[in-house]
């Protein structure tokens, strides 16, 4: 097993609160649901004029990436070496329903809401704010969505197509959309509101930038029979491993649809170096 990739930063927002490089903030549930109460000023001291008009998916993704603590660049600068990959089970389903409901109620189609009826718009919002000029991909592959995003991020780095990759796993629905989604997914696997962001880097690049190595990333070929986390549990398992702060390990089998038999190992470093 060899490793030339690391996870150097993570950011998150879920029902418990939000956090990342700058620490964690627990949400007081006596104030209601975070999804309804979320305001940009709660999570960042840097202005974000576009945040108020976004759909919930874009808001959550924007907060998670903000928690990475990436330095903001000038409008003339671009992070051409940084790619983005997102995996989402329900995508912009909430925005689709809100848009359609507006038509049914006689309000007519909302141009603002229409802009968010594509799940890739969340990546566009992040790219604009953080000046990310590399390749970007969005995967909707059911329960495998988060796992597939992680694998594709690693493969981009392994192939030398980028030096850094922001890997995002996110699903969030409005209350109205959640009621309908429960008929589609009674087990509720897609209904936990969250957005997790991970900065994966080539090891040499991370060292040159003096970024810490929170976890090492390694791929083992032909590892049949290895125990692996269920696909839909991958987002929570990965963020849990990084937040725990203690040595640990995740072994993740490649998604069946990929046609390959490999194991992706995430090995938590402690202390952070």
C-alpha atoms as a PDB file:
ATOM      1  CA  UNK A   1       0.000   0.000   0.000  1.00  0.00           C
ATOM      2  CA  UNK A   2       1.351   3.417  -0.931  1.00  0.00           C
ATOM      3  CA  UNK A   3       0.000   6.882  -0.340  1.00  0.00           C
ATOM      4  CA  UNK A   4       0.715  10.118  -2.165  1.00  0.00           C
ATOM      5  CA  UNK A   5      -2.470  11.909  -1.102  1.00  0.00           C
ATOM      6  CA  UNK A   6      -3.728  13.437   2.120  1.00  0.00           C
ATOM      7  CA  UNK A   7      -6.815  15.094   3.557  1.00  0.00           C
ATOM      8  CA  UNK A   8      -5.616  18.379   5.013  1.00  0.00           C
ATOM      9  CA  UNK A   9      -8.842  20.223   5.935  1.00  0.00           C
ATOM     10  CA  UNK A  10     -12.513  19.523   6.564  1.00  0.00           C
ATOM     11  CA  UNK A  11     -15.635  21.636   7.077  1.00  0.00           C
ATOM     12  CA  UNK A  12     -19.167  20.688   7.984  1.00  0.00           C
ATOM     13  CA  UNK A  13     -22.683  21.824   8.744  1.00  0.00           C
ATOM     14  CA  UNK A  14     -25.405  19.474   9.968  1.00  0.00           C
ATOM     15  CA  UNK A  15     -28.196  19.345  12.537  1.00  0.00           C
ATOM     16  CA  UNK A  16     -25.661  19.643  15.379  1.00  0.00           C
ATOM     17  CA  UNK A  17     -24.050  22.869  14.128  1.00  0.00           C
ATOM     18  CA  UNK A  18     -21.072  23.777  11.964  1.00  0.00           C
ATOM     19  CA  UNK A  19     -17.305  23.878  12.142  1.00  0.00           C
ATOM     20  CA  UNK A  20     -13.928  23.086  10.657  1.00  0.00           C
ATOM     21  CA  UNK A  21     -10.559  24.804  10.706  1.00  0.00           C
ATOM     22  CA  UNK A  22     -11.691  27.608  13.029  1.00  0.00           C
ATOM     23  CA  UNK A  23     -13.379  25.328  15.568  1.00  0.00           C
ATOM     24  CA  UNK A  24     -16.921  24.059  16.044  1.00  0.00           C
ATOM     25  CA  UNK A  25     -20.214  25.772  16.926  1.00  0.00           C
ATOM     26  CA  UNK A  26     -23.119  23.802  18.361  1.00  0.00           C
ATOM     27  CA  UNK A  27     -26.637  24.756  17.310  1.00  0.00           C
ATOM     28  CA  UNK A  28     -29.134  25.576  20.041  1.00  0.00           C
ATOM     29  CA  UNK A  29     -32.226  23.585  19.031  1.00  0.00           C
ATOM     30  CA  UNK A  30     -34.431  25.798  21.186  1.00  0.00           C
ATOM     31  CA  UNK A  31     -34.072  28.319  18.339  1.00  0.00           C
ATOM     32  CA  UNK A  32     -35.763  25.939  15.895  1.00  0.00           C
ATOM     33  CA  UNK A  33     -34.329  24.022  12.955  1.00  0.00           C
ATOM     34  CA  UNK A  34     -30.980  25.236  11.698  1.00  0.00           C
ATOM     35  CA  UNK A  35     -32.065  24.927   8.060  1.00  0.00           C
ATOM     36  CA  UNK A  36     -34.746  27.575   8.607  1.00  0.00           C
ATOM     37  CA  UNK A  37     -32.713  29.853  10.884  1.00  0.00           C
ATOM     38  CA  UNK A  38     -29.413  29.772   8.968  1.00  0.00           C
ATOM     39  CA  UNK A  39     -27.909  33.180   8.167  1.00  0.00           C
ATOM     40  CA  UNK A  40     -24.455  33.865   6.743  1.00  0.00           C
ATOM     41  CA  UNK A  41     -23.491  36.193   9.587  1.00  0.00           C
ATOM     42  CA  UNK A  42     -23.857  33.235  11.956  1.00  0.00           C
ATOM     43  CA  UNK A  43     -21.001  31.331  10.319  1.00  0.00           C
ATOM     44  CA  UNK A  44     -18.627  33.921   8.844  1.00  0.00           C
ATOM     45  CA  UNK A  45     -17.440  37.455   9.396  1.00  0.00           C
ATOM     46  CA  UNK A  46     -16.697  37.857   5.683  1.00  0.00           C
ATOM     47  CA  UNK A  47     -19.595  39.253   3.628  1.00  0.00           C
ATOM     48  CA  UNK A  48     -21.446  37.028   1.148  1.00  0.00           C
ATOM     49  CA  UNK A  49     -23.990  39.054  -0.827  1.00  0.00           C
ATOM     50  CA  UNK A  50     -25.334  36.038  -2.751  1.00  0.00           C
ATOM     51  CA  UNK A  51     -26.139  33.839   0.246  1.00  0.00           C
ATOM     52  CA  UNK A  52     -29.661  35.092   0.965  1.00  0.00           C
ATOM     53  CA  UNK A  53     -31.004  34.182  -2.486  1.00  0.00           C
ATOM     54  CA  UNK A  54     -29.629  30.623  -2.539  1.00  0.00           C
ATOM     55  CA  UNK A  55     -31.528  27.368  -2.174  1.00  0.00           C
ATOM     56  CA  UNK A  56     -30.808  25.210   0.885  1.00  0.00           C
ATOM     57  CA  UNK A  57     -28.380  22.892  -0.914  1.00  0.00           C
ATOM     58  CA  UNK A  58     -26.233  25.823  -2.066  1.00  0.00           C
ATOM     59  CA  UNK A  59     -26.376  27.410   1.391  1.00  0.00           C
ATOM     60  CA  UNK A  60     -25.227  24.263   3.142  1.00  0.00           C
ATOM     61  CA  UNK A  61     -22.488  23.564   0.604  1.00  0.00           C
ATOM     62  CA  UNK A  62     -21.281  27.174   0.843  1.00  0.00           C
ATOM     63  CA  UNK A  63     -21.061  26.973   4.630  1.00  0.00           C
ATOM     64  CA  UNK A  64     -19.206  23.640   4.600  1.00  0.00           C
ATOM     65  CA  UNK A  65     -16.595  24.935   2.132  1.00  0.00           C
ATOM     66  CA  UNK A  66     -16.277  28.198   4.058  1.00  0.00           C
ATOM     67  CA  UNK A  67     -15.380  26.126   7.126  1.00  0.00           C
ATOM     68  CA  UNK A  68     -12.285  24.865   5.293  1.00  0.00           C
ATOM     69  CA  UNK A  69     -10.788  28.282   5.996  1.00  0.00           C
ATOM     70  CA  UNK A  70      -9.453  28.864   2.481  1.00  0.00           C
ATOM     71  CA  UNK A  71      -7.997  32.382   2.125  1.00  0.00           C
ATOM     72  CA  UNK A  72     -10.222  34.574  -0.031  1.00  0.00           C
ATOM     73  CA  UNK A  73      -8.597  35.726  -3.273  1.00  0.00           C
ATOM     74  CA  UNK A  74      -8.981  38.850  -5.345  1.00  0.00           C
ATOM     75  CA  UNK A  75     -11.329  38.916  -8.335  1.00  0.00           C
ATOM     76  CA  UNK A  76      -8.407  38.671 -10.739  1.00  0.00           C
ATOM     77  CA  UNK A  77      -7.012  35.510  -9.133  1.00  0.00           C
ATOM     78  CA  UNK A  78      -7.986  31.896  -9.793  1.00  0.00           C
ATOM     79  CA  UNK A  79      -7.177  28.613  -8.098  1.00  0.00           C
ATOM     80  CA  UNK A  80      -6.633  26.762 -11.373  1.00  0.00           C
ATOM     81  CA  UNK A  81      -5.019  23.814  -9.590  1.00  0.00           C
ATOM     82  CA  UNK A  82      -8.094  23.095  -7.459  1.00  0.00           C
ATOM     83  CA  UNK A  83     -10.903  20.818  -8.669  1.00  0.00           C
ATOM     84  CA  UNK A  84     -14.332  20.211  -7.093  1.00  0.00           C
ATOM     85  CA  UNK A  85     -16.369  17.036  -6.853  1.00  0.00           C
ATOM     86  CA  UNK A  86     -19.783  16.755  -5.184  1.00  0.00           C
ATOM     87  CA  UNK A  87     -21.915  13.737  -4.398  1.00  0.00           C
ATOM     88  CA  UNK A  88     -25.586  14.197  -3.495  1.00  0.00           C
ATOM     89  CA  UNK A  89     -28.497  11.762  -3.274  1.00  0.00           C
ATOM     90  CA  UNK A  90     -31.376  14.231  -3.595  1.00  0.00           C
ATOM     91  CA  UNK A  91     -29.589  17.125  -5.288  1.00  0.00           C
ATOM     92  CA  UNK A  92     -31.791  20.174  -5.934  1.00  0.00           C
ATOM     93  CA  UNK A  93     -35.059  18.290  -5.372  1.00  0.00           C
ATOM     94  CA  UNK A  94     -36.115  20.861  -2.765  1.00  0.00           C
ATOM     95  CA  UNK A  95     -35.553  23.770  -5.162  1.00  0.00           C
ATOM     96  CA  UNK A  96     -37.419  21.915  -7.913  1.00  0.00           C
ATOM     97  CA  UNK A  97     -40.452  21.475  -5.669  1.00  0.00           C
ATOM     98  CA  UNK A  98     -40.384  25.068  -4.446  1.00  0.00           C
ATOM     99  CA  UNK A  99     -40.172  26.312  -8.036  1.00  0.00           C
ATOM    100  CA  UNK A 100     -43.079  24.131  -9.144  1.00  0.00           C
ATOM    101  CA  UNK A 101     -45.168  25.025  -6.106  1.00  0.00           C
ATOM    102  CA  UNK A 102     -44.803  28.710  -6.986  1.00  0.00           C
ATOM    103  CA  UNK A 103     -46.268  27.999 -10.424  1.00  0.00           C
ATOM    104  CA  UNK A 104     -49.167  26.002  -8.962  1.00  0.00           C
ATOM    105  CA  UNK A 105     -49.996  28.767  -6.499  1.00  0.00           C
ATOM    106  CA  UNK A 106     -50.300  31.277  -9.327  1.00  0.00           C
ATOM    107  CA  UNK A 107     -47.148  33.229  -8.500  1.00  0.00           C
ATOM    108  CA  UNK A 108     -45.580  32.248 -11.802  1.00  0.00           C
ATOM    109  CA  UNK A 109     -42.095  30.803 -12.338  1.00  0.00           C
ATOM    110  CA  UNK A 110     -39.492  32.490 -10.131  1.00  0.00           C
ATOM    111  CA  UNK A 111     -36.354  33.462 -12.109  1.00  0.00           C
ATOM    112  CA  UNK A 112     -34.320  33.421  -8.891  1.00  0.00           C
ATOM    113  CA  UNK A 113     -35.501  29.954  -7.872  1.00  0.00           C
ATOM    114  CA  UNK A 114     -35.149  28.631 -11.430  1.00  0.00           C
ATOM    115  CA  UNK A 115     -31.398  29.257 -11.271  1.00  0.00           C
ATOM    116  CA  UNK A 116     -31.132  26.653  -8.504  1.00  0.00           C
ATOM    117  CA  UNK A 117     -33.033  23.853 -10.233  1.00  0.00           C
ATOM    118  CA  UNK A 118     -29.716  22.269 -11.171  1.00  0.00           C
ATOM    119  CA  UNK A 119     -27.578  20.646  -8.438  1.00  0.00           C
ATOM    120  CA  UNK A 120     -24.386  21.923 -10.089  1.00  0.00           C
ATOM    121  CA  UNK A 121     -25.319  25.511  -9.181  1.00  0.00           C
ATOM    122  CA  UNK A 122     -24.090  24.821  -5.634  1.00  0.00           C
ATOM    123  CA  UNK A 123     -20.637  24.175  -7.082  1.00  0.00           C
ATOM    124  CA  UNK A 124     -20.892  27.351  -9.133  1.00  0.00           C
ATOM    125  CA  UNK A 125     -21.575  29.402  -6.004  1.00  0.00           C
ATOM    126  CA  UNK A 126     -18.516  27.918  -4.303  1.00  0.00           C
ATOM    127  CA  UNK A 127     -16.358  28.466  -7.390  1.00  0.00           C
ATOM    128  CA  UNK A 128     -17.351  32.136  -7.564  1.00  0.00           C
ATOM    129  CA  UNK A 129     -16.599  32.842  -3.921  1.00  0.00           C
ATOM    130  CA  UNK A 130     -13.345  30.890  -3.659  1.00  0.00           C
ATOM    131  CA  UNK A 131     -12.120  31.503  -7.214  1.00  0.00           C
ATOM    132  CA  UNK A 132     -11.867  27.807  -8.028  1.00  0.00           C
ATOM    133  CA  UNK A 133     -10.936  27.389 -11.682  1.00  0.00           C
ATOM    134  CA  UNK A 134     -10.294  23.669 -11.932  1.00  0.00           C
ATOM    135  CA  UNK A 135     -12.581  20.921 -13.190  1.00  0.00           C
ATOM    136  CA  UNK A 136     -15.868  20.347 -11.360  1.00  0.00           C
ATOM    137  CA  UNK A 137     -18.180  17.343 -11.246  1.00  0.00           C
ATOM    138  CA  UNK A 138     -21.489  16.516  -9.596  1.00  0.00           C
ATOM    139  CA  UNK A 139     -22.625  12.922  -9.054  1.00  0.00           C
ATOM    140  CA  UNK A 140     -26.129  11.742  -8.202  1.00  0.00           C
ATOM    141  CA  UNK A 141     -25.816   7.990  -7.779  1.00  0.00           C
ATOM    142  CA  UNK A 142     -28.244   7.131  -5.021  1.00  0.00           C
ATOM    143  CA  UNK A 143     -26.684   5.743  -1.858  1.00  0.00           C
ATOM    144  CA  UNK A 144     -23.264   5.654  -3.587  1.00  0.00           C
ATOM    145  CA  UNK A 145     -23.198   9.414  -4.226  1.00  0.00           C
ATOM    146  CA  UNK A 146     -20.854  10.463  -1.405  1.00  0.00           C
ATOM    147  CA  UNK A 147     -18.583   7.457  -1.872  1.00  0.00           C
ATOM    148  CA  UNK A 148     -18.381   8.085  -5.621  1.00  0.00           C
ATOM    149  CA  UNK A 149     -17.458  11.746  -5.061  1.00  0.00           C
ATOM    150  CA  UNK A 150     -14.635  10.698  -2.762  1.00  0.00           C
ATOM    151  CA  UNK A 151     -13.324   8.097  -5.193  1.00  0.00           C
ATOM    152  CA  UNK A 152     -13.449  10.512  -8.124  1.00  0.00           C
ATOM    153  CA  UNK A 153     -11.597  13.147  -6.094  1.00  0.00           C
ATOM    154  CA  UNK A 154      -8.841  10.668  -5.344  1.00  0.00           C
ATOM    155  CA  UNK A 155      -8.660   9.517  -8.956  1.00  0.00           C
ATOM    156  CA  UNK A 156      -8.299  13.108 -10.186  1.00  0.00           C
ATOM    157  CA  UNK A 157      -5.355  13.608  -7.841  1.00  0.00           C
ATOM    158  CA  UNK A 158      -3.850  10.228  -8.669  1.00  0.00           C
ATOM    159  CA  UNK A 159      -3.985  11.012 -12.387  1.00  0.00           C
ATOM    160  CA  UNK A 160      -2.283  14.368 -11.859  1.00  0.00           C
ATOM    161  CA  UNK A 161      -5.263  16.314 -13.194  1.00  0.00           C
ATOM    162  CA  UNK A 162      -5.201  18.626 -10.162  1.00  0.00           C
ATOM    163  CA  UNK A 163      -3.055  19.394  -7.133  1.00  0.00           C
ATOM    164  CA  UNK A 164      -6.024  19.877  -4.787  1.00  0.00           C
ATOM    165  CA  UNK A 165      -9.623  18.759  -4.827  1.00  0.00           C
ATOM    166  CA  UNK A 166     -12.527  19.988  -2.727  1.00  0.00           C
ATOM    167  CA  UNK A 167     -14.695  16.924  -2.169  1.00  0.00           C
ATOM    168  CA  UNK A 168     -18.261  17.701  -1.084  1.00  0.00           C
ATOM    169  CA  UNK A 169     -20.974  15.381   0.204  1.00  0.00           C
ATOM    170  CA  UNK A 170     -24.311  17.089   0.779  1.00  0.00           C
ATOM    171  CA  UNK A 171     -28.042  16.509   1.109  1.00  0.00           C
ATOM    172  CA  UNK A 172     -30.630  18.895   2.526  1.00  0.00           C
ATOM    173  CA  UNK A 173     -34.337  19.366   1.889  1.00  0.00           C
ATOM    174  CA  UNK A 174     -36.930  21.981   2.789  1.00  0.00           C
ATOM    175  CA  UNK A 175     -39.681  20.812   5.149  1.00  0.00           C
ATOM    176  CA  UNK A 176     -42.148  20.533   2.257  1.00  0.00           C
ATOM    177  CA  UNK A 177     -39.727  18.531   0.138  1.00  0.00           C
ATOM    178  CA  UNK A 178     -38.854  16.256   3.046  1.00  0.00           C
ATOM    179  CA  UNK A 179     -42.485  15.240   3.492  1.00  0.00           C
ATOM    180  CA  UNK A 180     -42.635  14.099  -0.126  1.00  0.00           C
ATOM    181  CA  UNK A 181     -39.186  12.488  -0.057  1.00  0.00           C
ATOM    182  CA  UNK A 182     -40.222  10.234   2.808  1.00  0.00           C
ATOM    183  CA  UNK A 183     -42.539   8.481   0.391  1.00  0.00           C
ATOM    184  CA  UNK A 184     -39.539   7.804  -1.835  1.00  0.00           C
ATOM    185  CA  UNK A 185     -37.087   6.840   0.914  1.00  0.00           C
ATOM    186  CA  UNK A 186     -39.043   5.621   3.973  1.00  0.00           C
ATOM    187  CA  UNK A 187     -35.815   4.574   5.707  1.00  0.00           C
ATOM    188  CA  UNK A 188     -34.717   8.219   5.714  1.00  0.00           C
ATOM    189  CA  UNK A 189     -31.211   7.593   4.402  1.00  0.00           C
ATOM    190  CA  UNK A 190     -31.383  10.688   2.204  1.00  0.00           C
ATOM    191  CA  UNK A 191     -33.077  12.953   4.717  1.00  0.00           C
ATOM    192  CA  UNK A 192     -30.313  13.858   7.146  1.00  0.00           C
ATOM    193  CA  UNK A 193     -29.482  17.519   6.500  1.00  0.00           C
ATOM    194  CA  UNK A 194     -25.753  17.963   6.097  1.00  0.00           C
ATOM    195  CA  UNK A 195     -22.924  19.224   3.946  1.00  0.00           C
ATOM    196  CA  UNK A 196     -19.368  18.013   4.442  1.00  0.00           C
ATOM    197  CA  UNK A 197     -16.326  19.366   2.610  1.00  0.00           C
ATOM    198  CA  UNK A 198     -12.856  17.836   2.504  1.00  0.00           C
ATOM    199  CA  UNK A 199      -9.693  19.262   0.975  1.00  0.00           C
ATOM    200  CA  UNK A 200      -7.679  16.465  -0.607  1.00  0.00           C
ATOM    201  CA  UNK A 201      -4.171  17.230  -1.831  1.00  0.00           C
ATOM    202  CA  UNK A 202      -1.211  15.547  -3.361  1.00  0.00           C
ATOM    203  CA  UNK A 203       1.177  14.964  -0.478  1.00  0.00           C
ATOM    204  CA  UNK A 204       4.056  16.916  -1.970  1.00  0.00           C
ATOM    205  CA  UNK A 205       1.828  19.894  -2.701  1.00  0.00           C
ATOM    206  CA  UNK A 206       0.466  19.885   0.854  1.00  0.00           C
ATOM    207  CA  UNK A 207       4.002  19.859   2.234  1.00  0.00           C
ATOM    208  CA  UNK A 208       5.065  22.720  -0.034  1.00  0.00           C
ATOM    209  CA  UNK A 209       2.062  24.761   1.179  1.00  0.00           C
ATOM    210  CA  UNK A 210       2.805  23.789   4.808  1.00  0.00           C
ATOM    211  CA  UNK A 211      -0.644  22.252   5.172  1.00  0.00           C
ATOM    212  CA  UNK A 212      -1.182  19.648   7.900  1.00  0.00           C
ATOM    213  CA  UNK A 213      -1.890  16.030   7.048  1.00  0.00           C
ATOM    214  CA  UNK A 214      -5.058  15.128   8.917  1.00  0.00           C
ATOM    215  CA  UNK A 215      -5.359  11.760   7.180  1.00  0.00           C
ATOM    216  CA  UNK A 216      -3.424   9.725   4.659  1.00  0.00           C
ATOM    217  CA  UNK A 217      -5.215   8.345   1.609  1.00  0.00           C
ATOM    218  CA  UNK A 218      -4.125   5.067   0.061  1.00  0.00           C
ATOM    219  CA  UNK A 219      -5.503   2.687  -2.589  1.00  0.00           C
ATOM    220  CA  UNK A 220      -5.095  -1.071  -2.533  1.00  0.00           C
ATOM    221  CA  UNK A 221      -5.854  -3.020  -5.718  1.00  0.00           C
ATOM    222  CA  UNK A 222      -7.671  -6.331  -5.819  1.00  0.00           C
ATOM    223  CA  UNK A 223      -8.657  -6.343  -2.153  1.00  0.00           C
ATOM    224  CA  UNK A 224     -11.592  -8.774  -2.326  1.00  0.00           C
ATOM    225  CA  UNK A 225     -13.383  -9.650   0.875  1.00  0.00           C
ATOM    226  CA  UNK A 226     -12.243  -6.587   2.825  1.00  0.00           C
ATOM    227  CA  UNK A 227     -14.823  -5.228   5.250  1.00  0.00           C
ATOM    228  CA  UNK A 228     -16.098  -1.852   4.116  1.00  0.00           C
ATOM    229  CA  UNK A 229     -18.511   0.813   5.290  1.00  0.00           C
ATOM    230  CA  UNK A 230     -21.958   0.792   3.670  1.00  0.00           C
ATOM    231  CA  UNK A 231     -22.116   3.418   0.917  1.00  0.00           C
ATOM    232  CA  UNK A 232     -24.821   5.597   2.457  1.00  0.00           C
ATOM    233  CA  UNK A 233     -22.901   5.747   5.760  1.00  0.00           C
ATOM    234  CA  UNK A 234     -19.690   7.033   4.161  1.00  0.00           C
ATOM    235  CA  UNK A 235     -20.298  10.808   4.680  1.00  0.00           C
ATOM    236  CA  UNK A 236     -21.006  10.444   8.415  1.00  0.00           C
ATOM    237  CA  UNK A 237     -18.203   7.907   8.866  1.00  0.00           C
ATOM    238  CA  UNK A 238     -15.594  10.099   7.178  1.00  0.00           C
ATOM    239  CA  UNK A 239     -16.517  13.329   8.964  1.00  0.00           C
ATOM    240  CA  UNK A 240     -16.666  11.380  12.233  1.00  0.00           C
ATOM    241  CA  UNK A 241     -13.171   9.993  11.702  1.00  0.00           C
ATOM    242  CA  UNK A 242     -11.725  13.465  11.104  1.00  0.00           C
ATOM    243  CA  UNK A 243     -13.641  15.173  13.918  1.00  0.00           C
ATOM    244  CA  UNK A 244     -12.671  12.479  16.410  1.00  0.00           C
ATOM    245  CA  UNK A 245      -9.053  13.614  16.401  1.00  0.00           C
ATOM    246  CA  UNK A 246      -7.696  10.174  17.284  1.00  0.00           C
ATOM    247  CA  UNK A 247      -5.973   7.527  15.163  1.00  0.00           C
ATOM    248  CA  UNK A 248      -8.484   5.554  13.135  1.00  0.00           C
ATOM    249  CA  UNK A 249      -9.103   4.080   9.741  1.00  0.00           C
ATOM    250  CA  UNK A 250     -11.816   3.664   7.118  1.00  0.00           C
ATOM    251  CA  UNK A 251     -11.605   1.062   4.345  1.00  0.00           C
ATOM    252  CA  UNK A 252     -14.009   1.902   1.526  1.00  0.00           C
ATOM    253  CA  UNK A 253     -14.646  -0.469  -1.364  1.00  0.00           C
ATOM    254  CA  UNK A 254     -14.998   1.129  -4.785  1.00  0.00           C
ATOM    255  CA  UNK A 255     -18.609   1.704  -5.917  1.00  0.00           C
ATOM    256  CA  UNK A 256     -19.975  -1.315  -7.849  1.00  0.00           C
ATOM    257  CA  UNK A 257     -20.800   0.872 -10.860  1.00  0.00           C
ATOM    258  CA  UNK A 258     -17.134   1.841 -11.227  1.00  0.00           C
ATOM    259  CA  UNK A 259     -16.258  -1.631 -12.525  1.00  0.00           C
ATOM    260  CA  UNK A 260     -13.043  -1.767 -10.478  1.00  0.00           C
ATOM    261  CA  UNK A 261     -12.127  -3.737  -7.379  1.00  0.00           C
ATOM    262  CA  UNK A 262     -10.077  -1.519  -5.125  1.00  0.00           C
ATOM    263  CA  UNK A 263     -10.093  -0.422  -1.510  1.00  0.00           C
ATOM    264  CA  UNK A 264      -9.674   3.223  -0.558  1.00  0.00           C
ATOM    265  CA  UNK A 265      -8.126   3.536   2.912  1.00  0.00           C
ATOM    266  CA  UNK A 266      -8.385   6.738   4.964  1.00  0.00           C
ATOM    267  CA  UNK A 267      -5.902   6.610   7.854  1.00  0.00           C
ATOM    268  CA  UNK A 268      -6.302   9.341  10.475  1.00  0.00           C
ATOM    269  CA  UNK A 269      -3.050  10.972  11.564  1.00  0.00           C
ATOM    270  CA  UNK A 270      -2.532  11.872  15.222  1.00  0.00           C
ATOM    271  CA  UNK A 271      -1.164  14.226  16.225  1.00  0.00           C
ATOM    272  CA  UNK A 272      -1.791  16.444  13.183  1.00  0.00           C
ATOM    273  CA  UNK A 273       1.540  17.052  11.460  1.00  0.00           C
END
